[in-house]
Structures are given as structure tokens and as C-alpha cells.
N, C-alpha and C. Protein backbone atom coordinates (compact mmCIF):
# COMPACT_ATOMS: atom_id res chain seq x y z
N MET A 1 49.34 81.40 -15.12
CA MET A 1 48.83 82.67 -14.65
C MET A 1 48.20 83.44 -15.81
N ALA A 2 48.87 83.47 -16.96
CA ALA A 2 48.33 84.17 -18.13
C ALA A 2 47.02 83.53 -18.57
N LEU A 3 46.94 82.21 -18.47
CA LEU A 3 45.71 81.51 -18.84
C LEU A 3 44.56 81.91 -17.92
N ARG A 4 44.85 82.06 -16.64
CA ARG A 4 43.81 82.47 -15.67
C ARG A 4 43.31 83.87 -15.99
N CYS A 5 44.22 84.79 -16.32
CA CYS A 5 43.82 86.16 -16.69
C CYS A 5 42.98 86.15 -17.96
N LEU A 6 43.39 85.36 -18.94
CA LEU A 6 42.63 85.26 -20.18
C LEU A 6 41.23 84.73 -19.90
N PHE A 7 41.14 83.69 -19.07
CA PHE A 7 39.84 83.13 -18.70
C PHE A 7 38.96 84.19 -18.04
N THR A 8 39.54 84.96 -17.14
CA THR A 8 38.77 86.01 -16.44
C THR A 8 38.25 87.04 -17.42
N ILE A 9 39.09 87.49 -18.31
CA ILE A 9 38.67 88.51 -19.29
C ILE A 9 37.58 87.96 -20.19
N LEU A 10 37.75 86.73 -20.68
CA LEU A 10 36.73 86.13 -21.54
C LEU A 10 35.42 85.94 -20.78
N PHE A 11 35.52 85.52 -19.52
CA PHE A 11 34.31 85.35 -18.71
C PHE A 11 33.58 86.68 -18.54
N LEU A 12 34.32 87.74 -18.22
CA LEU A 12 33.70 89.05 -18.03
C LEU A 12 33.03 89.54 -19.31
N PHE A 13 33.70 89.37 -20.45
CA PHE A 13 33.09 89.80 -21.71
C PHE A 13 31.85 88.96 -22.02
N GLY A 14 31.95 87.66 -21.83
CA GLY A 14 30.81 86.78 -22.07
C GLY A 14 29.67 87.09 -21.14
N PHE A 15 29.98 87.34 -19.89
CA PHE A 15 28.95 87.67 -18.91
C PHE A 15 28.25 88.97 -19.29
N ALA A 16 29.02 89.96 -19.70
CA ALA A 16 28.43 91.25 -20.06
C ALA A 16 27.49 91.11 -21.25
N LYS A 17 27.87 90.32 -22.23
CA LYS A 17 27.01 90.13 -23.41
C LYS A 17 25.76 89.35 -23.08
N SER A 18 25.81 88.48 -22.07
CA SER A 18 24.66 87.64 -21.74
C SER A 18 23.64 88.36 -20.88
N GLN A 19 23.95 89.54 -20.40
CA GLN A 19 23.06 90.27 -19.51
C GLN A 19 22.07 91.11 -20.30
N HIS A 20 20.87 90.60 -20.52
CA HIS A 20 19.88 91.32 -21.30
C HIS A 20 19.19 92.41 -20.49
N PHE A 21 19.33 92.41 -19.18
CA PHE A 21 18.64 93.38 -18.35
C PHE A 21 19.42 94.68 -18.17
N ILE A 22 20.64 94.73 -18.67
CA ILE A 22 21.47 95.93 -18.49
C ILE A 22 20.93 97.05 -19.37
N HIS A 23 20.82 98.21 -18.82
CA HIS A 23 20.40 99.39 -19.56
C HIS A 23 21.37 100.52 -19.26
N PRO A 24 21.36 101.57 -20.06
CA PRO A 24 22.31 102.66 -19.82
C PRO A 24 22.16 103.24 -18.42
N PHE A 25 23.27 103.53 -17.82
CA PHE A 25 23.33 104.14 -16.50
C PHE A 25 22.75 105.54 -16.57
N ASN A 26 21.99 105.92 -15.56
CA ASN A 26 21.49 107.29 -15.51
C ASN A 26 21.45 107.77 -14.06
N HIS A 27 21.10 109.02 -13.89
CA HIS A 27 21.08 109.64 -12.56
C HIS A 27 20.10 108.92 -11.63
N THR A 28 18.99 108.44 -12.17
CA THR A 28 18.00 107.72 -11.36
C THR A 28 18.60 106.45 -10.77
N ASP A 29 19.42 105.75 -11.56
CA ASP A 29 20.09 104.54 -11.05
C ASP A 29 20.99 104.88 -9.87
N LEU A 30 21.73 105.95 -9.99
CA LEU A 30 22.63 106.37 -8.91
C LEU A 30 21.83 106.70 -7.66
N GLN A 31 20.74 107.42 -7.81
CA GLN A 31 19.92 107.78 -6.65
C GLN A 31 19.30 106.55 -6.00
N ALA A 32 18.87 105.58 -6.81
CA ALA A 32 18.32 104.34 -6.27
C ALA A 32 19.39 103.57 -5.50
N ALA A 33 20.60 103.51 -6.05
CA ALA A 33 21.70 102.82 -5.36
C ALA A 33 22.04 103.52 -4.05
N ILE A 34 22.08 104.84 -4.06
CA ILE A 34 22.36 105.59 -2.83
C ILE A 34 21.28 105.32 -1.79
N GLY A 35 20.02 105.25 -2.23
CA GLY A 35 18.94 104.92 -1.31
C GLY A 35 19.11 103.54 -0.69
N ASP A 36 19.52 102.56 -1.50
CA ASP A 36 19.78 101.21 -0.98
C ASP A 36 20.94 101.23 0.01
N MET A 37 21.98 101.99 -0.27
CA MET A 37 23.14 102.10 0.63
C MET A 37 22.70 102.67 1.97
N ARG A 38 21.93 103.72 1.93
CA ARG A 38 21.44 104.32 3.18
C ARG A 38 20.57 103.36 3.96
N ALA A 39 19.72 102.62 3.27
CA ALA A 39 18.82 101.68 3.94
C ALA A 39 19.59 100.61 4.70
N LYS A 40 20.82 100.31 4.26
CA LYS A 40 21.66 99.31 4.92
C LYS A 40 22.78 99.95 5.73
N SER A 41 22.66 101.25 6.02
CA SER A 41 23.59 102.00 6.88
C SER A 41 24.99 102.19 6.30
N TYR A 42 25.09 102.30 5.00
CA TYR A 42 26.36 102.67 4.36
C TYR A 42 26.31 104.15 4.01
N TYR A 43 26.11 104.97 5.04
CA TYR A 43 25.94 106.42 4.86
C TYR A 43 27.20 107.08 4.32
N GLY A 44 28.36 106.68 4.81
CA GLY A 44 29.62 107.30 4.39
C GLY A 44 29.88 107.10 2.91
N PHE A 45 29.65 105.89 2.42
CA PHE A 45 29.89 105.62 1.00
C PHE A 45 28.89 106.38 0.15
N ALA A 46 27.63 106.43 0.60
CA ALA A 46 26.61 107.19 -0.12
C ALA A 46 27.01 108.67 -0.18
N MET A 47 27.55 109.18 0.91
CA MET A 47 27.97 110.58 0.95
C MET A 47 29.11 110.83 -0.04
N LEU A 48 30.06 109.90 -0.14
CA LEU A 48 31.15 110.05 -1.10
C LEU A 48 30.62 110.13 -2.53
N LEU A 49 29.65 109.30 -2.85
CA LEU A 49 29.05 109.35 -4.18
C LEU A 49 28.38 110.70 -4.43
N GLN A 50 27.71 111.21 -3.41
CA GLN A 50 27.04 112.50 -3.56
C GLN A 50 28.04 113.66 -3.65
N MET A 51 29.23 113.49 -3.07
CA MET A 51 30.24 114.54 -3.12
C MET A 51 30.69 114.82 -4.55
N LEU A 52 30.55 113.84 -5.43
CA LEU A 52 30.92 114.07 -6.82
C LEU A 52 30.00 115.09 -7.46
N ASN A 53 28.82 115.28 -6.89
CA ASN A 53 27.91 116.38 -7.24
C ASN A 53 27.61 116.50 -8.73
N GLY A 54 27.46 115.37 -9.40
CA GLY A 54 27.08 115.42 -10.81
C GLY A 54 28.20 115.75 -11.77
N THR A 55 29.36 116.15 -11.27
CA THR A 55 30.44 116.54 -12.16
C THR A 55 31.29 115.36 -12.61
N SER A 56 31.44 114.37 -11.77
CA SER A 56 32.31 113.24 -12.11
C SER A 56 31.64 111.91 -11.81
N GLN A 57 30.33 111.89 -11.73
CA GLN A 57 29.66 110.66 -11.35
C GLN A 57 29.92 109.56 -12.37
N PRO A 58 29.91 108.31 -11.91
CA PRO A 58 30.14 107.19 -12.82
C PRO A 58 29.16 107.22 -13.99
N THR A 59 29.63 106.85 -15.18
CA THR A 59 28.77 106.86 -16.36
C THR A 59 28.56 105.47 -16.91
N ARG A 60 28.90 104.45 -16.15
CA ARG A 60 28.70 103.08 -16.61
C ARG A 60 28.19 102.23 -15.46
N GLU A 61 27.69 101.06 -15.80
CA GLU A 61 27.23 100.14 -14.78
C GLU A 61 28.43 99.68 -13.96
N LEU A 62 28.25 99.62 -12.65
CA LEU A 62 29.35 99.27 -11.74
C LEU A 62 28.86 98.36 -10.63
N THR A 63 29.80 97.72 -10.00
CA THR A 63 29.58 97.06 -8.72
C THR A 63 30.48 97.77 -7.73
N PHE A 64 29.89 98.37 -6.71
CA PHE A 64 30.68 99.03 -5.68
C PHE A 64 30.94 98.06 -4.53
N LEU A 65 32.15 98.13 -4.01
CA LEU A 65 32.57 97.37 -2.83
C LEU A 65 32.74 98.40 -1.73
N MET A 66 31.78 98.46 -0.81
CA MET A 66 31.65 99.58 0.13
C MET A 66 32.19 99.26 1.52
N PRO A 67 33.25 99.94 1.93
CA PRO A 67 33.68 99.82 3.33
C PRO A 67 32.60 100.41 4.23
N ASP A 68 32.51 99.89 5.45
CA ASP A 68 31.50 100.43 6.37
C ASP A 68 31.94 101.79 6.90
N ASP A 69 31.03 102.46 7.59
CA ASP A 69 31.29 103.82 8.05
C ASP A 69 32.47 103.89 9.01
N LYS A 70 32.64 102.87 9.83
CA LYS A 70 33.77 102.87 10.77
C LYS A 70 35.10 102.90 10.01
N GLU A 71 35.21 102.10 8.98
CA GLU A 71 36.44 102.07 8.17
C GLU A 71 36.64 103.39 7.44
N LEU A 72 35.57 103.93 6.86
CA LEU A 72 35.68 105.20 6.14
C LEU A 72 36.10 106.33 7.06
N SER A 73 35.55 106.35 8.28
CA SER A 73 35.87 107.44 9.20
C SER A 73 37.32 107.37 9.68
N ALA A 74 37.94 106.21 9.59
CA ALA A 74 39.33 106.06 10.02
C ALA A 74 40.32 106.42 8.90
N SER A 75 39.81 106.68 7.70
CA SER A 75 40.70 107.02 6.59
C SER A 75 40.59 108.50 6.28
N SER A 76 41.60 109.01 5.64
CA SER A 76 41.56 110.41 5.23
C SER A 76 41.50 110.46 3.71
N ILE A 77 40.37 110.93 3.21
CA ILE A 77 40.15 111.03 1.77
C ILE A 77 39.88 112.50 1.47
N SER A 78 40.76 113.11 0.71
CA SER A 78 40.54 114.51 0.35
C SER A 78 39.52 114.58 -0.78
N ILE A 79 38.95 115.75 -0.97
CA ILE A 79 37.96 115.94 -2.02
C ILE A 79 38.53 115.60 -3.38
N ASP A 80 39.82 115.83 -3.57
CA ASP A 80 40.48 115.52 -4.85
C ASP A 80 40.67 114.02 -5.06
N GLU A 81 40.55 113.23 -4.00
CA GLU A 81 40.76 111.79 -4.09
C GLU A 81 39.48 110.98 -4.11
N VAL A 82 38.33 111.62 -4.02
CA VAL A 82 37.06 110.89 -3.90
C VAL A 82 36.80 110.01 -5.11
N GLU A 83 36.91 110.57 -6.30
CA GLU A 83 36.63 109.79 -7.50
C GLU A 83 37.57 108.58 -7.60
N GLU A 84 38.84 108.80 -7.37
CA GLU A 84 39.82 107.72 -7.43
C GLU A 84 39.52 106.64 -6.38
N PHE A 85 39.16 107.07 -5.17
CA PHE A 85 38.80 106.13 -4.10
C PHE A 85 37.61 105.27 -4.53
N LEU A 86 36.58 105.90 -5.07
CA LEU A 86 35.39 105.16 -5.49
C LEU A 86 35.71 104.18 -6.61
N LEU A 87 36.53 104.59 -7.56
CA LEU A 87 36.89 103.69 -8.66
C LEU A 87 37.72 102.50 -8.18
N LYS A 88 38.55 102.71 -7.18
CA LYS A 88 39.32 101.60 -6.61
C LYS A 88 38.43 100.63 -5.84
N HIS A 89 37.23 101.07 -5.52
CA HIS A 89 36.26 100.23 -4.81
C HIS A 89 35.10 99.85 -5.71
N ALA A 90 35.42 99.67 -6.99
CA ALA A 90 34.39 99.34 -7.97
C ALA A 90 34.91 98.31 -8.97
N ILE A 91 33.98 97.56 -9.51
CA ILE A 91 34.22 96.64 -10.63
C ILE A 91 33.38 97.17 -11.78
N PRO A 92 33.95 97.30 -12.98
CA PRO A 92 33.24 97.97 -14.07
C PRO A 92 32.15 97.15 -14.76
N MET A 93 31.37 96.45 -13.99
CA MET A 93 30.16 95.78 -14.48
C MET A 93 29.30 95.41 -13.29
N PRO A 94 27.99 95.33 -13.48
CA PRO A 94 27.12 95.01 -12.35
C PRO A 94 27.15 93.51 -12.04
N LEU A 95 27.55 93.16 -10.82
CA LEU A 95 27.65 91.76 -10.41
C LEU A 95 26.93 91.53 -9.08
N TYR A 96 25.94 90.66 -9.11
CA TYR A 96 25.35 90.19 -7.86
C TYR A 96 26.39 89.30 -7.18
N PHE A 97 26.17 89.01 -5.90
CA PHE A 97 27.12 88.13 -5.20
C PHE A 97 27.17 86.76 -5.87
N ASN A 98 26.04 86.27 -6.34
CA ASN A 98 26.01 84.97 -7.00
C ASN A 98 26.94 84.95 -8.22
N ASP A 99 27.02 86.07 -8.95
CA ASP A 99 27.94 86.17 -10.08
C ASP A 99 29.39 86.13 -9.60
N LEU A 100 29.68 86.90 -8.55
CA LEU A 100 31.04 86.91 -7.99
C LEU A 100 31.45 85.53 -7.49
N SER A 101 30.51 84.80 -6.93
CA SER A 101 30.83 83.50 -6.32
C SER A 101 31.30 82.47 -7.34
N HIS A 102 31.12 82.72 -8.62
CA HIS A 102 31.60 81.80 -9.65
C HIS A 102 33.09 81.98 -9.94
N PHE A 103 33.69 83.09 -9.48
CA PHE A 103 35.11 83.29 -9.69
C PHE A 103 35.91 82.43 -8.72
N PRO A 104 36.84 81.63 -9.21
CA PRO A 104 37.67 80.83 -8.30
C PRO A 104 38.72 81.70 -7.60
N THR A 105 39.23 81.20 -6.49
CA THR A 105 40.29 81.89 -5.77
C THR A 105 41.47 82.14 -6.72
N GLY A 106 42.01 83.35 -6.62
CA GLY A 106 43.14 83.73 -7.45
C GLY A 106 42.75 84.50 -8.70
N THR A 107 41.47 84.53 -9.02
CA THR A 107 41.02 85.26 -10.20
C THR A 107 41.29 86.75 -10.01
N LEU A 108 41.75 87.40 -11.06
CA LEU A 108 41.95 88.84 -11.05
C LEU A 108 40.85 89.48 -11.89
N VAL A 109 40.16 90.45 -11.30
CA VAL A 109 39.14 91.20 -12.03
C VAL A 109 39.55 92.67 -12.03
N PRO A 110 39.22 93.38 -13.08
CA PRO A 110 39.61 94.80 -13.12
C PRO A 110 38.81 95.62 -12.12
N SER A 111 39.46 96.63 -11.57
CA SER A 111 38.74 97.59 -10.75
C SER A 111 38.31 98.74 -11.66
N GLY A 112 37.60 99.69 -11.12
CA GLY A 112 37.20 100.86 -11.89
C GLY A 112 38.40 101.70 -12.30
N ASN A 113 39.53 101.52 -11.62
CA ASN A 113 40.78 102.18 -11.99
C ASN A 113 41.52 101.19 -12.88
N SER A 114 41.70 101.54 -14.13
CA SER A 114 42.23 100.58 -15.11
C SER A 114 43.61 100.03 -14.77
N SER A 115 44.35 100.69 -13.88
CA SER A 115 45.68 100.19 -13.54
C SER A 115 45.68 99.29 -12.29
N LYS A 116 44.51 99.05 -11.72
CA LYS A 116 44.42 98.25 -10.49
C LYS A 116 43.55 97.02 -10.71
N MET A 117 44.01 95.88 -10.23
CA MET A 117 43.26 94.64 -10.33
C MET A 117 42.85 94.16 -8.94
N ILE A 118 41.70 93.54 -8.87
CA ILE A 118 41.18 93.00 -7.61
C ILE A 118 41.33 91.48 -7.65
N ARG A 119 41.98 90.93 -6.62
CA ARG A 119 42.16 89.47 -6.53
C ARG A 119 41.03 88.88 -5.68
N ILE A 120 40.42 87.85 -6.22
CA ILE A 120 39.32 87.15 -5.55
C ILE A 120 39.88 86.02 -4.68
N HIS A 121 39.36 85.93 -3.46
CA HIS A 121 39.66 84.81 -2.56
C HIS A 121 38.30 84.22 -2.19
N ASN A 122 37.95 83.12 -2.83
CA ASN A 122 36.61 82.54 -2.71
C ASN A 122 36.65 81.23 -1.94
N ARG A 123 36.19 81.30 -0.71
CA ARG A 123 36.07 80.10 0.12
C ARG A 123 34.61 79.92 0.55
N GLY A 124 33.69 80.45 -0.25
CA GLY A 124 32.26 80.32 0.04
C GLY A 124 31.66 81.63 0.50
N ARG A 125 30.34 81.64 0.64
CA ARG A 125 29.61 82.87 0.94
C ARG A 125 30.09 83.56 2.21
N GLY A 126 30.40 82.85 3.25
CA GLY A 126 30.82 83.46 4.50
C GLY A 126 32.30 83.79 4.57
N ASP A 127 33.04 83.47 3.50
CA ASP A 127 34.49 83.65 3.51
C ASP A 127 34.95 84.06 2.11
N PHE A 128 34.46 85.21 1.64
CA PHE A 128 34.74 85.69 0.30
C PHE A 128 35.44 87.04 0.42
N PHE A 129 36.65 87.14 -0.14
CA PHE A 129 37.46 88.35 -0.03
C PHE A 129 37.75 88.94 -1.41
N VAL A 130 37.84 90.27 -1.43
CA VAL A 130 38.35 91.01 -2.57
C VAL A 130 39.59 91.72 -2.06
N ASN A 131 40.75 91.31 -2.56
CA ASN A 131 42.04 91.72 -1.99
C ASN A 131 42.02 91.43 -0.49
N ASN A 132 42.16 92.44 0.34
CA ASN A 132 42.23 92.24 1.80
C ASN A 132 40.88 92.36 2.48
N ALA A 133 39.82 92.69 1.75
CA ALA A 133 38.53 93.01 2.36
C ALA A 133 37.52 91.87 2.18
N GLN A 134 36.87 91.52 3.26
CA GLN A 134 35.86 90.46 3.22
C GLN A 134 34.48 91.06 2.90
N ILE A 135 33.76 90.40 2.02
CA ILE A 135 32.38 90.82 1.76
C ILE A 135 31.54 90.37 2.95
N VAL A 136 30.95 91.34 3.64
CA VAL A 136 30.18 91.05 4.85
C VAL A 136 28.69 91.29 4.66
N SER A 137 28.32 91.97 3.59
CA SER A 137 26.91 92.23 3.30
C SER A 137 26.72 92.21 1.79
N ALA A 138 26.20 91.09 1.29
CA ALA A 138 26.06 90.90 -0.15
C ALA A 138 24.76 91.53 -0.66
N ASN A 139 24.81 91.96 -1.91
CA ASN A 139 23.62 92.44 -2.62
C ASN A 139 22.89 93.56 -1.90
N VAL A 140 23.61 94.58 -1.52
CA VAL A 140 23.01 95.73 -0.84
C VAL A 140 22.16 96.54 -1.81
N CYS A 141 22.66 96.77 -3.01
CA CYS A 141 21.95 97.58 -4.00
C CYS A 141 21.20 96.66 -4.95
N LEU A 142 19.90 96.71 -4.87
CA LEU A 142 19.08 95.84 -5.71
C LEU A 142 18.10 96.60 -6.60
N ASN A 143 17.97 97.90 -6.39
CA ASN A 143 16.93 98.67 -7.09
C ASN A 143 17.45 99.49 -8.26
N SER A 144 18.65 99.18 -8.75
CA SER A 144 19.19 99.88 -9.91
C SER A 144 20.15 98.96 -10.63
N VAL A 145 20.66 99.42 -11.76
CA VAL A 145 21.64 98.65 -12.51
C VAL A 145 22.97 98.60 -11.75
N ILE A 146 23.21 99.55 -10.85
CA ILE A 146 24.41 99.56 -10.01
C ILE A 146 24.23 98.51 -8.91
N LYS A 147 25.23 97.68 -8.72
CA LYS A 147 25.19 96.67 -7.66
C LYS A 147 26.24 97.04 -6.62
N CYS A 148 26.05 96.62 -5.40
CA CYS A 148 27.03 96.92 -4.36
C CYS A 148 26.99 95.89 -3.25
N HIS A 149 28.15 95.74 -2.62
CA HIS A 149 28.34 94.79 -1.53
C HIS A 149 29.15 95.46 -0.43
N GLY A 150 28.77 95.21 0.80
CA GLY A 150 29.50 95.77 1.92
C GLY A 150 30.75 94.95 2.21
N ILE A 151 31.84 95.65 2.52
CA ILE A 151 33.10 95.00 2.86
C ILE A 151 33.59 95.52 4.21
N ASP A 152 34.50 94.77 4.83
CA ASP A 152 34.93 95.11 6.20
C ASP A 152 36.20 95.92 6.28
N ALA A 153 36.74 96.37 5.13
CA ALA A 153 37.99 97.14 5.14
C ALA A 153 38.08 97.96 3.86
N ILE A 154 38.93 98.96 3.90
CA ILE A 154 39.25 99.70 2.68
C ILE A 154 40.17 98.82 1.85
N ILE A 155 39.88 98.69 0.56
CA ILE A 155 40.66 97.80 -0.29
C ILE A 155 42.07 98.32 -0.46
N GLU A 156 43.02 97.43 -0.24
CA GLU A 156 44.44 97.75 -0.41
C GLU A 156 44.93 97.07 -1.69
N TYR A 157 45.84 97.73 -2.37
CA TYR A 157 46.41 97.21 -3.61
C TYR A 157 47.91 97.07 -3.48
N ASP A 158 48.46 96.05 -4.16
CA ASP A 158 49.92 95.92 -4.26
C ASP A 158 50.39 96.96 -5.25
N ASN A 159 51.56 97.51 -5.02
CA ASN A 159 52.08 98.53 -5.95
C ASN A 159 52.65 97.91 -7.14
């Protein structure tokens, strides 16, 4: 198990260094990602990002794992919990689905919340899970350094 975690961390660091297209995150990237989210009907997640209103917006490249509007509307997220919710639905580096698909089942990747890890369940493009949530819409955000994928549930974590 420790070897698998070490492999994951080394892979993530190596992947980050190999990405020559990464540039510093800025407000334009966030707006482009929000536009991509809206274009694919992820209005609720886009709204949560906008609720941060420039005060707590992400300052690094991320991959968002976005529950659909039906799932978001069934949950209760207070204004004080928005940033934490978004970080729990993020990976702290930009990953296309093709990048994610290289992780074997059981791999743990860090979430945007440093105390939470996301477990990968990889059985191919049509059967790829992050914790309890299946990726149902890959590569939604393509017009910024921020990447995002639609998922069918709010991500749950073991305590």
C-alpha cells in the first residue's frame, strides 16, 4: 500500500513537471472554465464557483469533479461551506480524462483539501469512479488551464 502511494506521488510530481503548457492561474481561466461548465449544463457548480466572489477563488491549476445540478440541489451547502465543498471536489493539478485513465484501480490522489484523498476505480472510460462518484462527462472544461469532469454524485469520503 505504501508503495502504491509513493508511486502515485512520484507520478503526480513527474506529470506536473512534464506539462509545458501550464501557466499561472488567473481570473480569465476561471471565467473560461465557468463558461465551459455552463455550456455543458453544470450551472450549479458554476454558481458555486461564482459565490466565492473573488475573495477565496482557487489560486492554482485544478481539476474539478462536478456533480450535476440534480445532485447539487439535493444537498445543503451553506455559504460558509462552499470553498471546502469545491476543494473536496478538486484535484490540485489539471488532468484531462486521458491523464486520469492512466491511474490504476486503488490509486489514491490528493483532493484540494489536503486531509482528503480520492480513490480511483478504473475499469475503463465508461466505468471510471472517483470514490463513490462515476465520471459521466469527461473533459468538460477545455478552454482554460482548469480542467473539469462531470460526475453522477457528490463525492463521499471515509472519515
